[in-house]
PDB file of N, CA and C in Angstrom:
ATOM      1  N   MET A   1       0.851  -1.179  -0.015  1.00  0.00           N
ATOM      2  CA  MET A   1      -0.004   0.007   0.001  1.00  0.00           C
ATOM      3  C   MET A   1       0.889   1.242   0.000  1.00  0.00           C
ATOM      4  N   ASN A   2       0.624   2.146  -0.918  1.00  0.00           N
ATOM      5  CA  ASN A   2       1.444   3.368  -0.931  1.00  0.00           C
ATOM      6  C   ASN A   2       0.689   4.487  -0.216  1.00  0.00           C
ATOM      7  N   ILE A   3       1.397   5.575   0.020  1.00  0.00           N
ATOM      8  CA  ILE A   3       0.845   6.699   0.778  1.00  0.00           C
ATOM      9  C   ILE A   3      -0.390   7.322   0.107  1.00  0.00           C
ATOM     10  N   LEU A   4      -0.472   7.256  -1.225  1.00  0.00           N
ATOM     11  CA  LEU A   4      -1.598   7.843  -1.919  1.00  0.00           C
ATOM     12  C   LEU A   4      -2.901   7.058  -1.734  1.00  0.00           C
ATOM     13  N   GLU A   5      -2.774   5.795  -1.336  1.00  0.00           N
ATOM     14  CA  GLU A   5      -3.952   4.963  -1.109  1.00  0.00           C
ATOM     15  C   GLU A   5      -4.533   5.158   0.278  1.00  0.00           C
ATOM     16  N   THR A   6      -3.845   5.829   1.159  1.00  0.00           N
ATOM     17  CA  THR A   6      -4.316   6.038   2.514  1.00  0.00           C
ATOM     18  C   THR A   6      -5.293   7.183   2.540  1.00  0.00           C
ATOM     19  N   VAL A   7      -6.478   6.926   3.102  1.00  0.00           N
ATOM     20  CA  VAL A   7      -7.504   7.955   3.172  1.00  0.00           C
ATOM     21  C   VAL A   7      -7.477   8.552   4.574  1.00  0.00           C
ATOM     22  N   VAL A   8      -7.337   9.851   4.653  1.00  0.00           N
ATOM     23  CA  VAL A   8      -7.350  10.536   5.940  1.00  0.00           C
ATOM     24  C   VAL A   8      -8.546  11.463   5.992  1.00  0.00           C
ATOM     25  N   GLU A   9      -9.330  11.312   7.052  1.00  0.00           N
ATOM     26  CA  GLU A   9     -10.491  12.146   7.198  1.00  0.00           C
ATOM     27  C   GLU A   9     -10.038  13.590   7.542  1.00  0.00           C
ATOM     28  N   PRO A  10     -10.612  14.587   6.910  1.00  0.00           N
ATOM     29  CA  PRO A  10     -10.243  15.985   7.270  1.00  0.00           C
ATOM     30  C   PRO A  10     -10.771  16.283   8.659  1.00  0.00           C
ATOM     31  N   PRO A  11     -10.148  17.221   9.345  1.00  0.00           N
ATOM     32  CA  PRO A  11     -10.627  17.562  10.685  1.00  0.00           C
ATOM     33  C   PRO A  11     -12.013  18.211  10.612  1.00  0.00           C
ATOM     34  N   GLU A  12     -12.739  18.077  11.682  1.00  0.00           N
ATOM     35  CA  GLU A  12     -14.091  18.679  11.771  1.00  0.00           C
ATOM     36  C   GLU A  12     -13.981  20.200  11.785  1.00  0.00           C
ATOM     37  N   ILE A  13     -14.911  20.876  11.122  1.00  0.00           N
ATOM     38  CA  ILE A  13     -14.994  22.325  11.142  1.00  0.00           C
ATOM     39  C   ILE A  13     -16.228  22.724  11.936  1.00  0.00           C
ATOM     40  N   VAL A  14     -16.017  23.528  12.971  1.00  0.00           N
ATOM     41  CA  VAL A  14     -17.117  23.981  13.842  1.00  0.00           C
ATOM     42  C   VAL A  14     -17.307  25.465  13.622  1.00  0.00           C
ATOM     43  N   GLU A  15     -18.487  25.884  13.216  1.00  0.00           N
ATOM     44  CA  GLU A  15     -18.751  27.309  13.037  1.00  0.00           C
ATOM     45  C   GLU A  15     -19.301  27.906  14.334  1.00  0.00           C
ATOM     46  N   VAL A  16     -18.780  29.076  14.694  1.00  0.00           N
ATOM     47  CA  VAL A  16     -19.227  29.792  15.871  1.00  0.00           C
ATOM     48  C   VAL A  16     -19.537  31.231  15.455  1.00  0.00           C
ATOM     49  N   GLU A  17     -20.309  31.922  16.287  1.00  0.00           N
ATOM     50  CA  GLU A  17     -20.689  33.299  15.991  1.00  0.00           C
ATOM     51  C   GLU A  17     -19.468  34.209  15.992  1.00  0.00           C
ATOM     52  N   ALA A  18     -19.561  35.304  15.241  1.00  0.00           N
ATOM     53  CA  ALA A  18     -18.432  36.194  15.047  1.00  0.00           C
ATOM     54  C   ALA A  18     -17.992  36.886  16.318  1.00  0.00           C
ATOM     55  N   ASN A  19     -18.861  37.032  17.316  1.00  0.00           N
ATOM     56  CA  ASN A  19     -18.495  37.726  18.520  1.00  0.00           C
ATOM     57  C   ASN A  19     -17.838  36.834  19.598  1.00  0.00           C
ATOM     58  N   ILE A  20     -17.688  35.577  19.309  1.00  0.00           N
ATOM     59  CA  ILE A  20     -17.056  34.619  20.249  1.00  0.00           C
ATOM     60  C   ILE A  20     -15.557  34.845  20.253  1.00  0.00           C
ATOM     61  N   GLU A  21     -14.951  34.948  21.436  1.00  0.00           N
ATOM     62  CA  GLU A  21     -13.507  35.120  21.537  1.00  0.00           C
ATOM     63  C   GLU A  21     -12.759  33.860  21.933  1.00  0.00           C
ATOM     64  N   THR A  22     -13.428  32.984  22.726  1.00  0.00           N
ATOM     65  CA  THR A  22     -12.798  31.772  23.231  1.00  0.00           C
ATOM     66  C   THR A  22     -13.763  30.572  23.062  1.00  0.00           C
ATOM     67  N   VAL A  23     -13.210  29.462  22.643  1.00  0.00           N
ATOM     68  CA  VAL A  23     -13.994  28.211  22.543  1.00  0.00           C
ATOM     69  C   VAL A  23     -13.324  27.132  23.373  1.00  0.00           C
ATOM     70  N   ALA A  24     -14.142  26.140  23.743  1.00  0.00           N
ATOM     71  CA  ALA A  24     -13.596  24.991  24.468  1.00  0.00           C
ATOM     72  C   ALA A  24     -13.719  23.775  23.568  1.00  0.00           C
ATOM     73  N   CYS A  25     -12.709  22.940  23.596  1.00  0.00           N
ATOM     74  CA  CYS A  25     -12.718  21.685  22.815  1.00  0.00           C
ATOM     75  C   CYS A  25     -12.338  20.526  23.705  1.00  0.00           C
ATOM     76  N   ASP A  26     -13.139  19.474  23.639  1.00  0.00           N
ATOM     77  CA  ASP A  26     -12.819  18.221  24.389  1.00  0.00           C
ATOM     78  C   ASP A  26     -12.640  17.056  23.437  1.00  0.00           C
ATOM     79  N   GLY A  27     -12.591  17.346  22.131  1.00  0.00           N
ATOM     80  CA  GLY A  27     -12.399  16.276  21.172  1.00  0.00           C
ATOM     81  C   GLY A  27     -13.658  15.493  20.806  1.00  0.00           C
ATOM     82  N   GLY A  28     -14.754  15.722  21.552  1.00  0.00           N
ATOM     83  CA  GLY A  28     -15.987  14.981  21.316  1.00  0.00           C
ATOM     84  C   GLY A  28     -15.832  13.521  21.651  1.00  0.00           C
ATOM     85  N   GLY A  29     -16.859  12.787  21.597  1.00  0.00           N
ATOM     86  CA  GLY A  29     -16.768  11.347  21.799  1.00  0.00           C
ATOM     87  C   GLY A  29     -16.640  10.948  23.239  1.00  0.00           C
ATOM     88  N   GLY A  30     -16.982  11.813  24.184  1.00  0.00           N
ATOM     89  CA  GLY A  30     -16.932  11.449  25.622  1.00  0.00           C
ATOM     90  C   GLY A  30     -15.546  10.997  26.054  1.00  0.00           C
ATOM     91  N   VAL A  31     -15.434   9.760  26.561  1.00  0.00           N
ATOM     92  CA  VAL A  31     -14.148   9.287  27.081  1.00  0.00           C
ATOM     93  C   VAL A  31     -13.147   9.066  25.973  1.00  0.00           C
ATOM     94  N   LEU A  32     -13.578   9.071  24.724  1.00  0.00           N
ATOM     95  CA  LEU A  32     -12.659   8.905  23.604  1.00  0.00           C
ATOM     96  C   LEU A  32     -12.068  10.243  23.149  1.00  0.00           C
ATOM     97  N   GLY A  33     -12.448  11.326  23.795  1.00  0.00           N
ATOM     98  CA  GLY A  33     -11.975  12.650  23.446  1.00  0.00           C
ATOM     99  C   GLY A  33     -10.602  12.936  24.039  1.00  0.00           C
ATOM    100  N   HIS A  34     -10.403  14.188  24.419  1.00  0.00           N
ATOM    101  CA  HIS A  34      -9.166  14.588  25.039  1.00  0.00           C
ATOM    102  C   HIS A  34      -9.453  15.582  26.143  1.00  0.00           C
ATOM    103  N   PRO A  35      -8.482  15.982  26.965  1.00  0.00           N
ATOM    104  CA  PRO A  35      -8.746  16.946  28.034  1.00  0.00           C
ATOM    105  C   PRO A  35      -9.280  18.233  27.447  1.00  0.00           C
ATOM    106  N   VAL A  36     -10.154  18.916  28.176  1.00  0.00           N
ATOM    107  CA  VAL A  36     -10.717  20.156  27.700  1.00  0.00           C
ATOM    108  C   VAL A  36      -9.637  21.229  27.584  1.00  0.00           C
ATOM    109  N   VAL A  37      -9.596  21.873  26.444  1.00  0.00           N
ATOM    110  CA  VAL A  37      -8.671  22.997  26.237  1.00  0.00           C
ATOM    111  C   VAL A  37      -9.503  24.197  25.761  1.00  0.00           C
ATOM    112  N   TYR A  38      -9.034  25.372  26.167  1.00  0.00           N
ATOM    113  CA  TYR A  38      -9.695  26.614  25.766  1.00  0.00           C
ATOM    114  C   TYR A  38      -8.807  27.308  24.749  1.00  0.00           C
ATOM    115  N   LEU A  39      -9.419  27.636  23.611  1.00  0.00           N
ATOM    116  CA  LEU A  39      -8.690  28.234  22.493  1.00  0.00           C
ATOM    117  C   LEU A  39      -9.193  29.634  22.249  1.00  0.00           C
ATOM    118  N   THR A  40      -8.285  30.601  22.079  1.00  0.00           N
ATOM    119  CA  THR A  40      -8.647  31.981  21.860  1.00  0.00           C
ATOM    120  C   THR A  40      -8.322  32.387  20.406  1.00  0.00           C
ATOM    121  N   PHE A  41      -9.250  33.104  19.805  1.00  0.00           N
ATOM    122  CA  PHE A  41      -9.100  33.507  18.414  1.00  0.00           C
ATOM    123  C   PHE A  41      -7.970  34.517  18.190  1.00  0.00           C
ATOM    124  N   SER A  42      -7.690  35.377  19.127  1.00  0.00           N
ATOM    125  CA  SER A  42      -6.607  36.361  19.008  1.00  0.00           C
ATOM    126  C   SER A  42      -6.631  37.113  17.685  1.00  0.00           C
ATOM    127  N   GLN A  43      -7.736  37.716  17.385  1.00  0.00           N
ATOM    128  CA  GLN A  43      -7.916  38.541  16.194  1.00  0.00           C
ATOM    129  C   GLN A  43      -7.846  37.764  14.885  1.00  0.00           C
ATOM    130  N   LYS A  44      -7.973  36.450  14.930  1.00  0.00           N
ATOM    131  CA  LYS A  44      -8.035  35.600  13.719  1.00  0.00           C
ATOM    132  C   LYS A  44      -9.479  35.194  13.535  1.00  0.00           C
ATOM    133  N   ASP A  45      -9.789  34.679  12.359  1.00  0.00           N
ATOM    134  CA  ASP A  45     -11.152  34.174  12.099  1.00  0.00           C
ATOM    135  C   ASP A  45     -11.277  32.676  12.331  1.00  0.00           C
ATOM    136  N   PHE A  46     -10.188  32.005  12.661  1.00  0.00           N
ATOM    137  CA  PHE A  46     -10.235  30.559  12.963  1.00  0.00           C
ATOM    138  C   PHE A  46      -9.154  30.217  13.961  1.00  0.00           C
ATOM    139  N   VAL A  47      -9.343  29.087  14.631  1.00  0.00           N
ATOM    140  CA  VAL A  47      -8.338  28.532  15.551  1.00  0.00           C
ATOM    141  C   VAL A  47      -8.464  27.033  15.489  1.00  0.00           C
ATOM    142  N   ASP A  48      -7.315  26.340  15.530  1.00  0.00           N
ATOM    143  CA  ASP A  48      -7.285  24.869  15.472  1.00  0.00           C
ATOM    144  C   ASP A  48      -6.937  24.287  16.810  1.00  0.00           C
ATOM    145  N   CYS A  49      -7.622  23.195  17.186  1.00  0.00           N
ATOM    146  CA  CYS A  49      -7.279  22.486  18.411  1.00  0.00           C
ATOM    147  C   CYS A  49      -5.998  21.728  18.188  1.00  0.00           C
ATOM    148  N   TYR A  50      -5.078  21.889  19.129  1.00  0.00           N
ATOM    149  CA  TYR A  50      -3.756  21.232  18.988  1.00  0.00           C
ATOM    150  C   TYR A  50      -3.782  19.774  19.408  1.00  0.00           C
ATOM    151  N   TYR A  51      -4.888  19.284  19.961  1.00  0.00           N
ATOM    152  CA  TYR A  51      -5.058  17.872  20.267  1.00  0.00           C
ATOM    153  C   TYR A  51      -5.663  17.113  19.080  1.00  0.00           C
ATOM    154  N   CYS A  52      -6.818  17.582  18.616  1.00  0.00           N
ATOM    155  CA  CYS A  52      -7.599  16.758  17.647  1.00  0.00           C
ATOM    156  C   CYS A  52      -7.669  17.360  16.244  1.00  0.00           C
ATOM    157  N   GLY A  53      -7.209  18.599  16.088  1.00  0.00           N
ATOM    158  CA  GLY A  53      -7.208  19.230  14.778  1.00  0.00           C
ATOM    159  C   GLY A  53      -8.536  19.881  14.390  1.00  0.00           C
ATOM    160  N   ARG A  54      -9.545  19.816  15.269  1.00  0.00           N
ATOM    161  CA  ARG A  54     -10.828  20.473  15.006  1.00  0.00           C
ATOM    162  C   ARG A  54     -10.567  21.939  14.722  1.00  0.00           C
ATOM    163  N   ARG A  55     -11.211  22.487  13.701  1.00  0.00           N
ATOM    164  CA  ARG A  55     -11.047  23.905  13.380  1.00  0.00           C
ATOM    165  C   ARG A  55     -12.337  24.639  13.773  1.00  0.00           C
ATOM    166  N   PHE A  56     -12.188  25.682  14.565  1.00  0.00           N
ATOM    167  CA  PHE A  56     -13.299  26.553  14.945  1.00  0.00           C
ATOM    168  C   PHE A  56     -13.203  27.819  14.090  1.00  0.00           C
ATOM    169  N   VAL A  57     -14.299  28.126  13.402  1.00  0.00           N
ATOM    170  CA  VAL A  57     -14.318  29.248  12.471  1.00  0.00           C
ATOM    171  C   VAL A  57     -15.391  30.230  12.896  1.00  0.00           C
ATOM    172  N   ARG A  58     -15.010  31.522  12.995  1.00  0.00           N
ATOM    173  CA  ARG A  58     -15.998  32.565  13.321  1.00  0.00           C
ATOM    174  C   ARG A  58     -16.673  32.941  12.009  1.00  0.00           C
ATOM    175  N   ILE A  59     -18.017  32.964  12.007  1.00  0.00           N
ATOM    176  CA  ILE A  59     -18.743  33.302  10.796  1.00  0.00           C
ATOM    177  C   ILE A  59     -19.524  34.584  11.011  1.00  0.00           C
ATOM    178  N   GLN A  60     -19.604  35.375   9.955  1.00  0.00           N
ATOM    179  CA  GLN A  60     -20.424  36.575   9.966  1.00  0.00           C
ATOM    180  C   GLN A  60     -21.768  36.194   9.392  1.00  0.00           C
ATOM    181  N   LYS A  61     -22.833  36.582  10.079  1.00  0.00           N
ATOM    182  CA  LYS A  61     -24.154  36.296   9.518  1.00  0.00           C
ATOM    183  C   LYS A  61     -24.433  37.307   8.418  1.00  0.00           C
ATOM    184  N   MET A  62     -24.912  36.784   7.304  1.00  0.00           N
ATOM    185  CA  MET A  62     -25.258  37.630   6.177  1.00  0.00           C
ATOM    186  C   MET A  62     -26.520  38.389   6.543  1.00  0.00           C
ATOM    187  N   GLN A  63     -26.498  39.685   6.306  1.00  0.00           N
ATOM    188  CA  GLN A  63     -27.667  40.492   6.608  1.00  0.00           C
ATOM    189  C   GLN A  63     -28.470  40.668   5.308  1.00  0.00           C
ATOM    190  N   HIS A  64     -29.743  40.419   5.364  1.00  0.00           N
ATOM    191  CA  HIS A  64     -30.615  40.592   4.201  1.00  0.00           C
ATOM    192  C   HIS A  64     -30.757  42.084   3.961  1.00  0.00           C
ATOM    193  N   PRO A  65     -30.777  42.528   2.693  1.00  0.00           N
ATOM    194  CA  PRO A  65     -30.872  43.968   2.379  1.00  0.00           C
ATOM    195  C   PRO A  65     -32.054  44.679   3.049  1.00  0.00           C
ATOM    196  N   THR A  66     -33.133  43.946   3.346  1.00  0.00           N
ATOM    197  CA  THR A  66     -34.284  44.571   3.951  1.00  0.00           C
ATOM    198  C   THR A  66     -34.162  44.615   5.496  1.00  0.00           C
ATOM    199  N   ASP A  67     -33.169  43.896   6.062  1.00  0.00           N
ATOM    200  CA  ASP A  67     -32.983  43.910   7.521  1.00  0.00           C
ATOM    201  C   ASP A  67     -32.327  45.178   7.939  1.00  0.00           C
ATOM    202  N   ASP A  68     -32.870  45.843   8.905  1.00  0.00           N
ATOM    203  CA  ASP A  68     -32.227  47.056   9.465  1.00  0.00           C
ATOM    204  C   ASP A  68     -32.357  47.086  10.946  1.00  0.00           C
TER     205      ASP A  68
END
């Protein structure tokens, strides 16, 4: 088997609201997860968990032209 035949699942992407500054990640899966870590965006639009690779992305809600 060569390296190109190996299938690797991409990390999960979790969308959070744009005003969130810190997220908590436990890897999901209960006891199969990892210790809880708190990740800060630090003026970026995304942050990756250094245990499981989960990516947390801040999203801007699109405003409809008639919304004021």
